[in-house]
Amino acid sequence: MPGEMKTYSASWKESWQNLRFRKLIITGVVLLIALLISFPFFFQLIEKRKCFQLNDPLLSMITAHDLSVVTFILIWSGSLLMLIRCIKDASVFVLFLWGFILLYLFRIVTISCVPLDAPLHLIPLKDPLSNTFYGSGFITKDLFFSGHVASQFLIFLCIKGKKYKIFCLSVTIAVAILVLIQHVHYTIDVLAAPLFTYLVYLLSKRMVSNV
């Protein structure tokens, strides 16, 4: 174990010697903080706007159930695993950091351009950790595309190791199914999430290359 810790420390220590790596980390962290601070203002704003509701044939066949606890456990299990891998591997951290920033900038644009009202029979997703970034009250109009599914798929793309990828992909699929059963998202929100996320992953991968 001591040797293993030394290897992981060297990964960060060696990466930090790279000026471009340091700039990417510092700039990324500043942007991430600014993004997190802006979230409550943005989500409260879009919650007040007039939107339209979609006719979703798949959701109409599913009886809504509250699966918040299972969804919460899955999401934060995947997130905790990613945190651990980021601590151990600097290259994973910088890739995921910029992927996350770009992903949520994309979401701000797509949510702004596609004003969707909440699906029928929506049951609020109880996530005391994520909901702290939304401000007061439950937000229902942050729909296109699904942030829950996109975040988990980004973790799957960024994380290294076959067993970790299998776990994270399984979590992504499970979360996609669960948010549909709970009517938190439309089918199109869930299907679009991996597509936008893969585009973001390619962009962030190009940004952090050669560090």
N, C-alpha and C. Protein backbone atom coordinates (compact mmCIF):
# COMPACT_ATOMS: atom_id res chain seq x y z
N MET A 1 0.81 -1.23 0.00
CA MET A 1 0.00 0.00 0.00
C MET A 1 0.84 1.28 0.00
N PRO A 2 1.93 1.39 0.79
CA PRO A 2 2.74 2.60 0.74
C PRO A 2 3.26 2.89 -0.66
N GLY A 3 3.71 1.85 -1.37
CA GLY A 3 4.21 2.02 -2.73
C GLY A 3 3.13 2.52 -3.66
N GLU A 4 1.88 2.01 -3.45
CA GLU A 4 0.76 2.41 -4.30
C GLU A 4 0.45 3.89 -4.12
N MET A 5 0.46 4.35 -2.88
CA MET A 5 0.18 5.75 -2.61
C MET A 5 1.24 6.65 -3.23
N LYS A 6 2.50 6.19 -3.19
CA LYS A 6 3.60 6.97 -3.77
C LYS A 6 3.39 7.15 -5.28
N THR A 7 2.94 6.09 -5.93
CA THR A 7 2.68 6.15 -7.37
C THR A 7 1.59 7.16 -7.69
N TYR A 8 0.50 7.11 -6.90
CA TYR A 8 -0.60 8.03 -7.14
C TYR A 8 -0.16 9.47 -6.88
N SER A 9 0.64 9.69 -5.83
CA SER A 9 1.12 11.02 -5.52
C SER A 9 2.01 11.53 -6.65
N ALA A 10 2.83 10.65 -7.20
CA ALA A 10 3.73 11.03 -8.29
C ALA A 10 2.93 11.48 -9.50
N SER A 11 1.78 10.85 -9.74
CA SER A 11 0.96 11.23 -10.87
C SER A 11 0.60 12.71 -10.79
N TRP A 12 0.14 13.16 -9.65
CA TRP A 12 -0.21 14.56 -9.45
C TRP A 12 1.02 15.44 -9.40
N LYS A 13 2.05 14.96 -8.70
CA LYS A 13 3.28 15.75 -8.55
C LYS A 13 3.94 16.03 -9.90
N GLU A 14 4.00 15.00 -10.72
CA GLU A 14 4.61 15.15 -12.04
C GLU A 14 3.74 16.01 -12.96
N SER A 15 2.43 15.81 -12.90
CA SER A 15 1.53 16.59 -13.75
C SER A 15 1.59 18.07 -13.38
N TRP A 16 1.72 18.37 -12.11
CA TRP A 16 1.73 19.76 -11.65
C TRP A 16 2.94 20.53 -12.15
N GLN A 17 3.98 19.83 -12.55
CA GLN A 17 5.17 20.47 -13.10
C GLN A 17 4.90 21.04 -14.50
N ASN A 18 3.84 20.55 -15.12
CA ASN A 18 3.46 20.99 -16.46
C ASN A 18 2.66 22.29 -16.36
N LEU A 19 3.19 23.36 -16.94
CA LEU A 19 2.54 24.67 -16.84
C LEU A 19 1.14 24.66 -17.42
N ARG A 20 0.96 24.01 -18.55
CA ARG A 20 -0.37 23.95 -19.18
C ARG A 20 -1.37 23.23 -18.29
N PHE A 21 -0.91 22.15 -17.64
CA PHE A 21 -1.77 21.42 -16.71
C PHE A 21 -2.22 22.33 -15.57
N ARG A 22 -1.28 23.08 -15.00
CA ARG A 22 -1.62 23.98 -13.89
C ARG A 22 -2.64 25.03 -14.32
N LYS A 23 -2.43 25.57 -15.52
CA LYS A 23 -3.37 26.59 -16.02
C LYS A 23 -4.76 26.00 -16.22
N LEU A 24 -4.81 24.77 -16.76
CA LEU A 24 -6.11 24.11 -16.98
C LEU A 24 -6.83 23.86 -15.66
N ILE A 25 -6.09 23.43 -14.65
CA ILE A 25 -6.70 23.14 -13.34
C ILE A 25 -7.19 24.43 -12.69
N ILE A 26 -6.33 25.43 -12.63
CA ILE A 26 -6.69 26.69 -11.95
C ILE A 26 -7.86 27.37 -12.66
N THR A 27 -7.77 27.48 -13.99
CA THR A 27 -8.86 28.10 -14.76
C THR A 27 -10.15 27.30 -14.63
N GLY A 28 -10.02 25.97 -14.69
CA GLY A 28 -11.19 25.11 -14.59
C GLY A 28 -11.88 25.23 -13.24
N VAL A 29 -11.12 25.26 -12.18
CA VAL A 29 -11.70 25.36 -10.84
C VAL A 29 -12.41 26.70 -10.67
N VAL A 30 -11.80 27.79 -11.15
CA VAL A 30 -12.44 29.11 -11.06
C VAL A 30 -13.75 29.12 -11.84
N LEU A 31 -13.73 28.57 -13.06
CA LEU A 31 -14.96 28.52 -13.87
C LEU A 31 -16.02 27.64 -13.23
N LEU A 32 -15.61 26.53 -12.64
CA LEU A 32 -16.55 25.62 -12.00
C LEU A 32 -17.24 26.31 -10.82
N ILE A 33 -16.48 27.03 -10.01
CA ILE A 33 -17.06 27.76 -8.87
C ILE A 33 -18.05 28.80 -9.37
N ALA A 34 -17.66 29.54 -10.41
CA ALA A 34 -18.56 30.55 -10.98
C ALA A 34 -19.84 29.91 -11.52
N LEU A 35 -19.69 28.75 -12.14
CA LEU A 35 -20.84 28.03 -12.69
C LEU A 35 -21.79 27.58 -11.59
N LEU A 36 -21.23 27.02 -10.52
CA LEU A 36 -22.04 26.54 -9.40
C LEU A 36 -22.77 27.69 -8.71
N ILE A 37 -22.10 28.84 -8.61
CA ILE A 37 -22.74 30.02 -8.00
C ILE A 37 -23.89 30.52 -8.85
N SER A 38 -23.74 30.42 -10.18
CA SER A 38 -24.78 30.93 -11.09
C SER A 38 -25.99 30.01 -11.22
N PHE A 39 -25.82 28.74 -10.86
CA PHE A 39 -26.90 27.76 -11.03
C PHE A 39 -28.23 28.19 -10.41
N PRO A 40 -28.26 28.56 -9.12
CA PRO A 40 -29.56 28.91 -8.52
C PRO A 40 -30.28 30.03 -9.26
N PHE A 41 -29.54 31.05 -9.72
CA PHE A 41 -30.14 32.17 -10.43
C PHE A 41 -30.73 31.71 -11.77
N PHE A 42 -29.96 30.88 -12.47
CA PHE A 42 -30.42 30.39 -13.78
C PHE A 42 -31.65 29.51 -13.63
N PHE A 43 -31.59 28.55 -12.71
CA PHE A 43 -32.71 27.61 -12.57
C PHE A 43 -33.97 28.28 -12.04
N GLN A 44 -33.83 29.26 -11.15
CA GLN A 44 -35.00 29.98 -10.67
C GLN A 44 -35.62 30.79 -11.81
N LEU A 45 -34.77 31.30 -12.70
CA LEU A 45 -35.26 32.09 -13.84
C LEU A 45 -36.04 31.23 -14.82
N ILE A 46 -35.49 30.06 -15.18
CA ILE A 46 -36.18 29.23 -16.17
C ILE A 46 -37.45 28.60 -15.57
N GLU A 47 -37.50 28.48 -14.25
CA GLU A 47 -38.69 27.90 -13.62
C GLU A 47 -39.91 28.83 -13.77
N LYS A 48 -39.65 30.12 -13.96
CA LYS A 48 -40.75 31.10 -14.03
C LYS A 48 -41.27 31.31 -15.45
N ARG A 49 -40.58 30.79 -16.45
CA ARG A 49 -40.97 31.08 -17.83
C ARG A 49 -42.11 30.18 -18.30
N LYS A 50 -42.76 30.61 -19.38
CA LYS A 50 -43.83 29.81 -19.97
C LYS A 50 -43.21 28.72 -20.85
N CYS A 51 -43.68 27.50 -20.68
CA CYS A 51 -43.12 26.36 -21.43
C CYS A 51 -44.24 25.53 -22.04
N PHE A 52 -43.86 24.54 -22.80
CA PHE A 52 -44.86 23.64 -23.39
C PHE A 52 -44.58 22.20 -22.96
N GLN A 53 -45.63 21.42 -22.96
CA GLN A 53 -45.53 20.03 -22.51
C GLN A 53 -45.53 19.10 -23.73
N LEU A 54 -44.68 18.08 -23.67
CA LEU A 54 -44.60 17.12 -24.76
C LEU A 54 -45.55 15.95 -24.55
N ASN A 55 -46.00 15.40 -25.67
CA ASN A 55 -46.74 14.15 -25.61
C ASN A 55 -45.72 13.01 -25.73
N ASP A 56 -45.52 12.30 -24.64
CA ASP A 56 -44.50 11.26 -24.60
C ASP A 56 -45.18 9.89 -24.50
N PRO A 57 -45.23 9.14 -25.60
CA PRO A 57 -45.92 7.84 -25.60
C PRO A 57 -45.34 6.85 -24.59
N LEU A 58 -44.03 6.86 -24.41
CA LEU A 58 -43.41 5.92 -23.47
C LEU A 58 -43.82 6.25 -22.04
N LEU A 59 -43.74 7.52 -21.65
CA LEU A 59 -44.13 7.90 -20.30
C LEU A 59 -45.59 7.61 -20.03
N SER A 60 -46.43 7.75 -21.05
CA SER A 60 -47.86 7.50 -20.86
C SER A 60 -48.15 6.03 -20.53
N MET A 61 -47.20 5.15 -20.84
CA MET A 61 -47.38 3.72 -20.54
C MET A 61 -46.77 3.34 -19.19
N ILE A 62 -46.08 4.29 -18.55
CA ILE A 62 -45.39 3.99 -17.28
C ILE A 62 -46.11 4.68 -16.12
N THR A 63 -46.46 3.90 -15.12
CA THR A 63 -47.03 4.47 -13.91
C THR A 63 -45.90 5.05 -13.07
N ALA A 64 -46.03 6.31 -12.68
CA ALA A 64 -44.96 6.99 -11.94
C ALA A 64 -44.80 6.42 -10.54
N HIS A 65 -43.56 6.21 -10.15
CA HIS A 65 -43.23 5.74 -8.80
C HIS A 65 -42.07 6.56 -8.26
N ASP A 66 -42.07 6.78 -6.96
CA ASP A 66 -41.00 7.53 -6.32
C ASP A 66 -39.82 6.59 -6.05
N LEU A 67 -38.75 6.76 -6.81
CA LEU A 67 -37.55 5.93 -6.66
C LEU A 67 -36.34 6.78 -6.29
N SER A 68 -36.62 7.86 -5.57
CA SER A 68 -35.58 8.83 -5.23
C SER A 68 -34.41 8.21 -4.48
N VAL A 69 -34.71 7.34 -3.53
CA VAL A 69 -33.65 6.77 -2.69
C VAL A 69 -32.68 5.93 -3.52
N VAL A 70 -33.23 5.07 -4.37
CA VAL A 70 -32.39 4.22 -5.23
C VAL A 70 -31.57 5.08 -6.18
N THR A 71 -32.23 6.08 -6.79
CA THR A 71 -31.54 6.97 -7.73
C THR A 71 -30.41 7.73 -7.03
N PHE A 72 -30.70 8.24 -5.84
CA PHE A 72 -29.70 8.98 -5.05
C PHE A 72 -28.48 8.11 -4.76
N ILE A 73 -28.72 6.88 -4.33
CA ILE A 73 -27.63 5.96 -3.99
C ILE A 73 -26.77 5.67 -5.22
N LEU A 74 -27.41 5.42 -6.34
CA LEU A 74 -26.67 5.11 -7.57
C LEU A 74 -25.84 6.30 -8.04
N ILE A 75 -26.47 7.47 -8.09
CA ILE A 75 -25.79 8.67 -8.58
C ILE A 75 -24.56 8.99 -7.73
N TRP A 76 -24.72 8.95 -6.43
CA TRP A 76 -23.61 9.34 -5.57
C TRP A 76 -22.60 8.23 -5.37
N SER A 77 -22.98 7.00 -5.66
CA SER A 77 -21.99 5.92 -5.67
C SER A 77 -21.04 6.12 -6.86
N GLY A 78 -21.62 6.42 -8.03
CA GLY A 78 -20.81 6.69 -9.21
C GLY A 78 -19.95 7.93 -9.02
N SER A 79 -20.52 8.96 -8.39
CA SER A 79 -19.79 10.21 -8.17
C SER A 79 -18.65 10.01 -7.18
N LEU A 80 -18.89 9.24 -6.13
CA LEU A 80 -17.85 8.96 -5.14
C LEU A 80 -16.70 8.17 -5.76
N LEU A 81 -17.04 7.19 -6.60
CA LEU A 81 -16.01 6.42 -7.29
C LEU A 81 -15.16 7.34 -8.16
N MET A 82 -15.83 8.26 -8.87
CA MET A 82 -15.10 9.19 -9.72
C MET A 82 -14.18 10.09 -8.90
N LEU A 83 -14.65 10.54 -7.76
CA LEU A 83 -13.83 11.38 -6.88
C LEU A 83 -12.56 10.65 -6.45
N ILE A 84 -12.72 9.40 -6.08
CA ILE A 84 -11.58 8.58 -5.66
C ILE A 84 -10.58 8.43 -6.80
N ARG A 85 -11.09 8.15 -8.00
CA ARG A 85 -10.20 7.97 -9.16
C ARG A 85 -9.51 9.29 -9.53
N CYS A 86 -10.21 10.41 -9.35
CA CYS A 86 -9.62 11.72 -9.64
C CYS A 86 -8.47 12.03 -8.67
N ILE A 87 -8.64 11.66 -7.42
CA ILE A 87 -7.59 11.87 -6.42
C ILE A 87 -6.36 11.05 -6.77
N LYS A 88 -6.58 9.89 -7.35
CA LYS A 88 -5.48 8.98 -7.66
C LYS A 88 -4.86 9.21 -9.04
N ASP A 89 -5.57 9.92 -9.91
CA ASP A 89 -5.07 10.09 -11.28
C ASP A 89 -5.38 11.51 -11.76
N ALA A 90 -4.33 12.32 -11.89
CA ALA A 90 -4.49 13.72 -12.28
C ALA A 90 -5.10 13.87 -13.66
N SER A 91 -4.77 12.95 -14.57
CA SER A 91 -5.28 13.06 -15.94
C SER A 91 -6.79 12.84 -15.99
N VAL A 92 -7.30 11.98 -15.13
CA VAL A 92 -8.75 11.76 -15.05
C VAL A 92 -9.44 13.01 -14.52
N PHE A 93 -8.82 13.62 -13.52
CA PHE A 93 -9.42 14.81 -12.89
C PHE A 93 -9.55 15.96 -13.89
N VAL A 94 -8.46 16.27 -14.60
CA VAL A 94 -8.51 17.42 -15.51
C VAL A 94 -9.47 17.17 -16.67
N LEU A 95 -9.55 15.94 -17.14
CA LEU A 95 -10.48 15.60 -18.21
C LEU A 95 -11.93 15.73 -17.74
N PHE A 96 -12.22 15.20 -16.56
CA PHE A 96 -13.58 15.26 -16.03
C PHE A 96 -13.96 16.69 -15.65
N LEU A 97 -13.02 17.44 -15.11
CA LEU A 97 -13.28 18.83 -14.72
C LEU A 97 -13.77 19.64 -15.91
N TRP A 98 -13.03 19.59 -17.01
CA TRP A 98 -13.42 20.37 -18.18
C TRP A 98 -14.63 19.77 -18.89
N GLY A 99 -14.77 18.45 -18.82
CA GLY A 99 -15.96 17.81 -19.36
C GLY A 99 -17.21 18.27 -18.64
N PHE A 100 -17.13 18.36 -17.32
CA PHE A 100 -18.26 18.79 -16.50
C PHE A 100 -18.63 20.24 -16.80
N ILE A 101 -17.61 21.10 -16.88
CA ILE A 101 -17.85 22.51 -17.18
C ILE A 101 -18.55 22.67 -18.53
N LEU A 102 -18.00 22.04 -19.56
CA LEU A 102 -18.59 22.14 -20.90
C LEU A 102 -19.99 21.53 -20.95
N LEU A 103 -20.17 20.42 -20.23
CA LEU A 103 -21.46 19.75 -20.21
C LEU A 103 -22.55 20.68 -19.68
N TYR A 104 -22.25 21.38 -18.60
CA TYR A 104 -23.29 22.21 -18.00
C TYR A 104 -23.44 23.55 -18.71
N LEU A 105 -22.41 23.98 -19.41
CA LEU A 105 -22.60 25.13 -20.30
C LEU A 105 -23.52 24.75 -21.46
N PHE A 106 -23.35 23.55 -21.97
CA PHE A 106 -24.24 23.02 -23.02
C PHE A 106 -25.67 22.94 -22.49
N ARG A 107 -25.83 22.46 -21.26
CA ARG A 107 -27.17 22.32 -20.69
C ARG A 107 -27.85 23.68 -20.54
N ILE A 108 -27.09 24.68 -20.12
CA ILE A 108 -27.67 26.02 -19.99
C ILE A 108 -28.21 26.50 -21.34
N VAL A 109 -27.46 26.22 -22.40
CA VAL A 109 -27.88 26.63 -23.75
C VAL A 109 -29.11 25.84 -24.19
N THR A 110 -29.07 24.51 -24.03
CA THR A 110 -30.18 23.69 -24.52
C THR A 110 -31.45 23.90 -23.70
N ILE A 111 -31.31 24.06 -22.40
CA ILE A 111 -32.49 24.33 -21.56
C ILE A 111 -33.10 25.67 -21.94
N SER A 112 -32.25 26.65 -22.22
CA SER A 112 -32.73 27.99 -22.61
C SER A 112 -33.45 27.94 -23.96
N CYS A 113 -32.97 27.10 -24.87
CA CYS A 113 -33.53 27.04 -26.22
C CYS A 113 -34.75 26.12 -26.33
N VAL A 114 -34.89 25.19 -25.39
CA VAL A 114 -36.00 24.22 -25.44
C VAL A 114 -36.81 24.35 -24.15
N PRO A 115 -37.80 25.25 -24.13
CA PRO A 115 -38.58 25.52 -22.91
C PRO A 115 -39.66 24.47 -22.65
N LEU A 116 -39.28 23.40 -22.01
CA LEU A 116 -40.22 22.31 -21.74
C LEU A 116 -40.83 22.43 -20.35
N ASP A 117 -42.14 22.14 -20.30
CA ASP A 117 -42.82 22.05 -19.01
C ASP A 117 -42.64 20.63 -18.47
N ALA A 118 -42.85 20.46 -17.19
CA ALA A 118 -42.65 19.16 -16.56
C ALA A 118 -43.59 18.10 -17.13
N PRO A 119 -43.12 16.85 -17.23
CA PRO A 119 -44.00 15.76 -17.69
C PRO A 119 -45.19 15.56 -16.74
N LEU A 120 -46.25 15.02 -17.28
CA LEU A 120 -47.41 14.69 -16.44
C LEU A 120 -47.01 13.67 -15.37
N HIS A 121 -47.57 13.83 -14.19
CA HIS A 121 -47.39 12.90 -13.06
C HIS A 121 -45.95 12.87 -12.54
N LEU A 122 -45.21 13.95 -12.79
CA LEU A 122 -43.85 14.01 -12.27
C LEU A 122 -43.84 13.89 -10.75
N ILE A 123 -42.93 13.07 -10.24
CA ILE A 123 -42.70 12.96 -8.80
C ILE A 123 -41.33 13.58 -8.52
N PRO A 124 -41.27 14.63 -7.70
CA PRO A 124 -39.98 15.30 -7.44
C PRO A 124 -38.90 14.32 -6.98
N LEU A 125 -37.72 14.47 -7.54
CA LEU A 125 -36.58 13.63 -7.19
C LEU A 125 -35.92 14.22 -5.95
N LYS A 126 -35.92 13.47 -4.88
CA LYS A 126 -35.35 13.95 -3.62
C LYS A 126 -33.85 13.63 -3.59
N ASP A 127 -33.05 14.66 -3.81
CA ASP A 127 -31.59 14.53 -3.78
C ASP A 127 -31.05 15.74 -3.01
N PRO A 128 -30.88 15.59 -1.69
CA PRO A 128 -30.48 16.74 -0.86
C PRO A 128 -29.13 17.34 -1.23
N LEU A 129 -28.27 16.57 -1.89
CA LEU A 129 -26.95 17.09 -2.29
C LEU A 129 -27.05 17.92 -3.56
N SER A 130 -27.61 17.33 -4.61
CA SER A 130 -27.73 18.04 -5.89
C SER A 130 -28.66 19.25 -5.78
N ASN A 131 -29.73 19.11 -5.01
CA ASN A 131 -30.74 20.17 -4.94
C ASN A 131 -30.24 21.45 -4.30
N THR A 132 -29.09 21.38 -3.59
CA THR A 132 -28.53 22.58 -2.97
C THR A 132 -28.07 23.59 -4.03
N PHE A 133 -27.80 23.11 -5.24
CA PHE A 133 -27.33 24.00 -6.31
C PHE A 133 -28.48 24.59 -7.12
N TYR A 134 -29.71 24.22 -6.77
CA TYR A 134 -30.86 24.70 -7.54
C TYR A 134 -31.55 25.89 -6.89
N GLY A 135 -31.17 26.23 -5.69
CA GLY A 135 -31.85 27.31 -4.98
C GLY A 135 -33.06 26.77 -4.25
N SER A 136 -33.97 27.66 -3.88
CA SER A 136 -35.14 27.25 -3.11
C SER A 136 -36.19 26.62 -4.02
N GLY A 137 -36.81 25.56 -3.51
CA GLY A 137 -37.87 24.89 -4.25
C GLY A 137 -37.35 23.87 -5.24
N PHE A 138 -38.22 22.96 -5.65
CA PHE A 138 -37.86 21.91 -6.60
C PHE A 138 -37.99 22.44 -8.02
N ILE A 139 -36.96 22.29 -8.82
CA ILE A 139 -36.96 22.78 -10.20
C ILE A 139 -37.47 21.68 -11.12
N THR A 140 -38.43 22.04 -11.97
CA THR A 140 -39.06 21.04 -12.84
C THR A 140 -38.82 21.28 -14.33
N LYS A 141 -38.24 22.45 -14.69
CA LYS A 141 -38.14 22.81 -16.10
C LYS A 141 -36.70 22.76 -16.64
N ASP A 142 -35.82 22.10 -15.91
CA ASP A 142 -34.43 21.92 -16.39
C ASP A 142 -34.35 20.58 -17.12
N LEU A 143 -35.06 20.47 -18.21
CA LEU A 143 -35.34 19.15 -18.77
C LEU A 143 -34.41 18.70 -19.90
N PHE A 144 -34.25 19.51 -20.93
CA PHE A 144 -33.50 19.03 -22.10
C PHE A 144 -32.07 19.58 -22.07
N PHE A 145 -31.13 18.71 -21.81
CA PHE A 145 -31.19 17.26 -21.70
C PHE A 145 -30.96 16.86 -20.25
N SER A 146 -31.13 15.58 -19.91
CA SER A 146 -31.04 15.13 -18.53
C SER A 146 -29.64 15.28 -17.95
N GLY A 147 -29.52 16.10 -16.91
CA GLY A 147 -28.24 16.28 -16.24
C GLY A 147 -27.81 15.06 -15.46
N HIS A 148 -28.77 14.35 -14.87
CA HIS A 148 -28.44 13.14 -14.10
C HIS A 148 -27.81 12.07 -14.99
N VAL A 149 -28.44 11.85 -16.13
CA VAL A 149 -27.93 10.82 -17.05
C VAL A 149 -26.61 11.28 -17.66
N ALA A 150 -26.55 12.55 -18.06
CA ALA A 150 -25.35 13.08 -18.70
C ALA A 150 -24.14 13.01 -17.77
N SER A 151 -24.33 13.38 -16.51
CA SER A 151 -23.21 13.37 -15.55
C SER A 151 -22.67 11.96 -15.35
N GLN A 152 -23.56 10.99 -15.24
CA GLN A 152 -23.11 9.61 -15.04
C GLN A 152 -22.43 9.07 -16.30
N PHE A 153 -22.93 9.47 -17.47
CA PHE A 153 -22.31 9.01 -18.71
C PHE A 153 -20.93 9.65 -18.89
N LEU A 154 -20.79 10.90 -18.45
CA LEU A 154 -19.48 11.56 -18.50
C LEU A 154 -18.48 10.83 -17.59
N ILE A 155 -18.93 10.42 -16.44
CA ILE A 155 -18.07 9.64 -15.53
C ILE A 155 -17.62 8.36 -16.22
N PHE A 156 -18.56 7.67 -16.87
CA PHE A 156 -18.23 6.44 -17.60
C PHE A 156 -17.17 6.70 -18.67
N LEU A 157 -17.29 7.79 -19.41
CA LEU A 157 -16.35 8.09 -20.48
C LEU A 157 -14.97 8.47 -19.95
N CYS A 158 -14.93 9.17 -18.84
CA CYS A 158 -13.66 9.70 -18.33
C CYS A 158 -12.89 8.71 -17.47
N ILE A 159 -13.59 7.84 -16.78
CA ILE A 159 -12.92 6.96 -15.82
C ILE A 159 -12.11 5.89 -16.55
N LYS A 160 -11.02 5.45 -15.92
CA LYS A 160 -10.15 4.43 -16.50
C LYS A 160 -10.35 3.10 -15.79
N GLY A 161 -10.15 2.01 -16.52
CA GLY A 161 -10.27 0.69 -15.93
C GLY A 161 -11.57 0.01 -16.34
N LYS A 162 -11.46 -1.19 -16.87
CA LYS A 162 -12.62 -1.91 -17.40
C LYS A 162 -13.71 -2.12 -16.36
N LYS A 163 -13.32 -2.54 -15.15
CA LYS A 163 -14.34 -2.84 -14.12
C LYS A 163 -15.06 -1.56 -13.68
N TYR A 164 -14.32 -0.44 -13.65
CA TYR A 164 -14.94 0.83 -13.27
C TYR A 164 -15.88 1.31 -14.37
N LYS A 165 -15.48 1.12 -15.63
CA LYS A 165 -16.33 1.53 -16.75
C LYS A 165 -17.63 0.71 -16.79
N ILE A 166 -17.52 -0.57 -16.54
CA ILE A 166 -18.72 -1.42 -16.53
C ILE A 166 -19.69 -0.97 -15.45
N PHE A 167 -19.14 -0.69 -14.27
CA PHE A 167 -19.99 -0.22 -13.16
C PHE A 167 -20.66 1.10 -13.51
N CYS A 168 -19.89 2.07 -14.03
CA CYS A 168 -20.42 3.39 -14.33
C CYS A 168 -21.43 3.37 -15.47
N LEU A 169 -21.21 2.51 -16.46
CA LEU A 169 -22.18 2.38 -17.54
C LEU A 169 -23.48 1.78 -17.01
N SER A 170 -23.36 0.82 -16.11
CA SER A 170 -24.54 0.20 -15.49
C SER A 170 -25.32 1.24 -14.70
N VAL A 171 -24.61 2.09 -13.98
CA VAL A 171 -25.26 3.16 -13.20
C VAL A 171 -25.98 4.12 -14.15
N THR A 172 -25.34 4.47 -15.25
CA THR A 172 -25.93 5.39 -16.22
C THR A 172 -27.25 4.83 -16.77
N ILE A 173 -27.23 3.58 -17.16
CA ILE A 173 -28.44 2.95 -17.71
C ILE A 173 -29.54 2.88 -16.65
N ALA A 174 -29.15 2.51 -15.44
CA ALA A 174 -30.13 2.40 -14.35
C ALA A 174 -30.76 3.76 -14.03
N VAL A 175 -29.94 4.80 -13.96
CA VAL A 175 -30.44 6.15 -13.67
C VAL A 175 -31.37 6.62 -14.79
N ALA A 176 -31.03 6.31 -16.03
CA ALA A 176 -31.88 6.68 -17.17
C ALA A 176 -33.27 6.05 -17.03
N ILE A 177 -33.30 4.79 -16.64
CA ILE A 177 -34.58 4.09 -16.47
C ILE A 177 -35.35 4.66 -15.28
N LEU A 178 -34.64 4.92 -14.19
CA LEU A 178 -35.29 5.39 -12.96
C LEU A 178 -35.92 6.77 -13.13
N VAL A 179 -35.23 7.70 -13.81
CA VAL A 179 -35.81 9.04 -13.97
C VAL A 179 -37.03 9.02 -14.89
N LEU A 180 -37.07 8.04 -15.81
CA LEU A 180 -38.26 7.89 -16.65
C LEU A 180 -39.42 7.33 -15.83
N ILE A 181 -39.14 6.33 -15.01
CA ILE A 181 -40.19 5.75 -14.18
C ILE A 181 -40.77 6.79 -13.23
N GLN A 182 -39.91 7.69 -12.75
CA GLN A 182 -40.38 8.73 -11.83
C GLN A 182 -40.95 9.93 -12.58
N HIS A 183 -40.91 9.89 -13.91
CA HIS A 183 -41.42 10.97 -14.76
C HIS A 183 -40.71 12.30 -14.50
N VAL A 184 -39.43 12.23 -14.14
CA VAL A 184 -38.63 13.42 -13.92
C VAL A 184 -38.21 14.03 -15.26
N HIS A 185 -38.09 13.19 -16.28
CA HIS A 185 -37.67 13.63 -17.61
C HIS A 185 -38.53 12.98 -18.68
N TYR A 186 -38.56 13.64 -19.84
CA TYR A 186 -39.15 13.03 -21.03
C TYR A 186 -38.14 12.04 -21.62
N THR A 187 -38.64 11.16 -22.46
CA THR A 187 -37.76 10.18 -23.12
C THR A 187 -36.67 10.87 -23.93
N ILE A 188 -37.03 11.95 -24.63
CA ILE A 188 -36.06 12.65 -25.46
C ILE A 188 -34.93 13.26 -24.62
N ASP A 189 -35.23 13.68 -23.40
CA ASP A 189 -34.20 14.23 -22.50
C ASP A 189 -33.14 13.18 -22.19
N VAL A 190 -33.61 11.97 -21.96
CA VAL A 190 -32.73 10.86 -21.58
C VAL A 190 -31.92 10.38 -22.79
N LEU A 191 -32.57 10.27 -23.95
CA LEU A 191 -31.89 9.78 -25.14
C LEU A 191 -30.85 10.78 -25.65
N ALA A 192 -31.13 12.07 -25.49
CA ALA A 192 -30.21 13.10 -25.98
C ALA A 192 -28.99 13.25 -25.09
N ALA A 193 -29.12 12.91 -23.82
CA ALA A 193 -28.04 13.13 -22.85
C ALA A 193 -26.71 12.49 -23.26
N PRO A 194 -26.68 11.19 -23.62
CA PRO A 194 -25.40 10.59 -24.02
C PRO A 194 -24.81 11.21 -25.28
N LEU A 195 -25.65 11.67 -26.21
CA LEU A 195 -25.16 12.26 -27.45
C LEU A 195 -24.42 13.57 -27.17
N PHE A 196 -25.04 14.45 -26.39
CA PHE A 196 -24.40 15.71 -26.03
C PHE A 196 -23.16 15.46 -25.17
N THR A 197 -23.25 14.47 -24.30
CA THR A 197 -22.13 14.18 -23.40
C THR A 197 -20.93 13.66 -24.17
N TYR A 198 -21.16 12.84 -25.18
CA TYR A 198 -20.04 12.32 -25.96
C TYR A 198 -19.36 13.44 -26.74
N LEU A 199 -20.14 14.38 -27.25
CA LEU A 199 -19.58 15.54 -27.93
C LEU A 199 -18.71 16.35 -26.97
N VAL A 200 -19.24 16.58 -25.77
CA VAL A 200 -18.49 17.31 -24.74
C VAL A 200 -17.20 16.58 -24.38
N TYR A 201 -17.30 15.27 -24.27
CA TYR A 201 -16.11 14.46 -23.94
C TYR A 201 -15.02 14.62 -25.01
N LEU A 202 -15.41 14.60 -26.27
CA LEU A 202 -14.43 14.77 -27.35
C LEU A 202 -13.78 16.15 -27.29
N LEU A 203 -14.59 17.18 -26.99
CA LEU A 203 -14.06 18.54 -26.90
C LEU A 203 -13.10 18.67 -25.72
N SER A 204 -13.50 18.14 -24.57
CA SER A 204 -12.65 18.25 -23.38
C SER A 204 -11.37 17.42 -23.54
N LYS A 205 -11.49 16.29 -24.22
CA LYS A 205 -10.31 15.45 -24.46
C LYS A 205 -9.30 16.19 -25.33
N ARG A 206 -9.80 16.92 -26.31
CA ARG A 206 -8.89 17.71 -27.16
C ARG A 206 -8.27 18.85 -26.37
N MET A 207 -9.04 19.46 -25.48
CA MET A 207 -8.55 20.58 -24.69
C MET A 207 -7.39 20.19 -23.77
N VAL A 208 -7.52 18.99 -23.17
CA VAL A 208 -6.53 18.58 -22.16
C VAL A 208 -5.45 17.67 -22.73
N SER A 209 -5.43 17.51 -24.04
CA SER A 209 -4.42 16.64 -24.64
C SER A 209 -3.02 17.21 -24.42
N ASN A 210 -2.03 16.32 -24.34
CA ASN A 210 -0.64 16.71 -24.16
C ASN A 210 -0.35 17.42 -22.84
N VAL A 211 -1.08 17.05 -21.79
CA VAL A 211 -0.74 17.59 -20.46
C VAL A 211 -0.29 16.44 -19.58
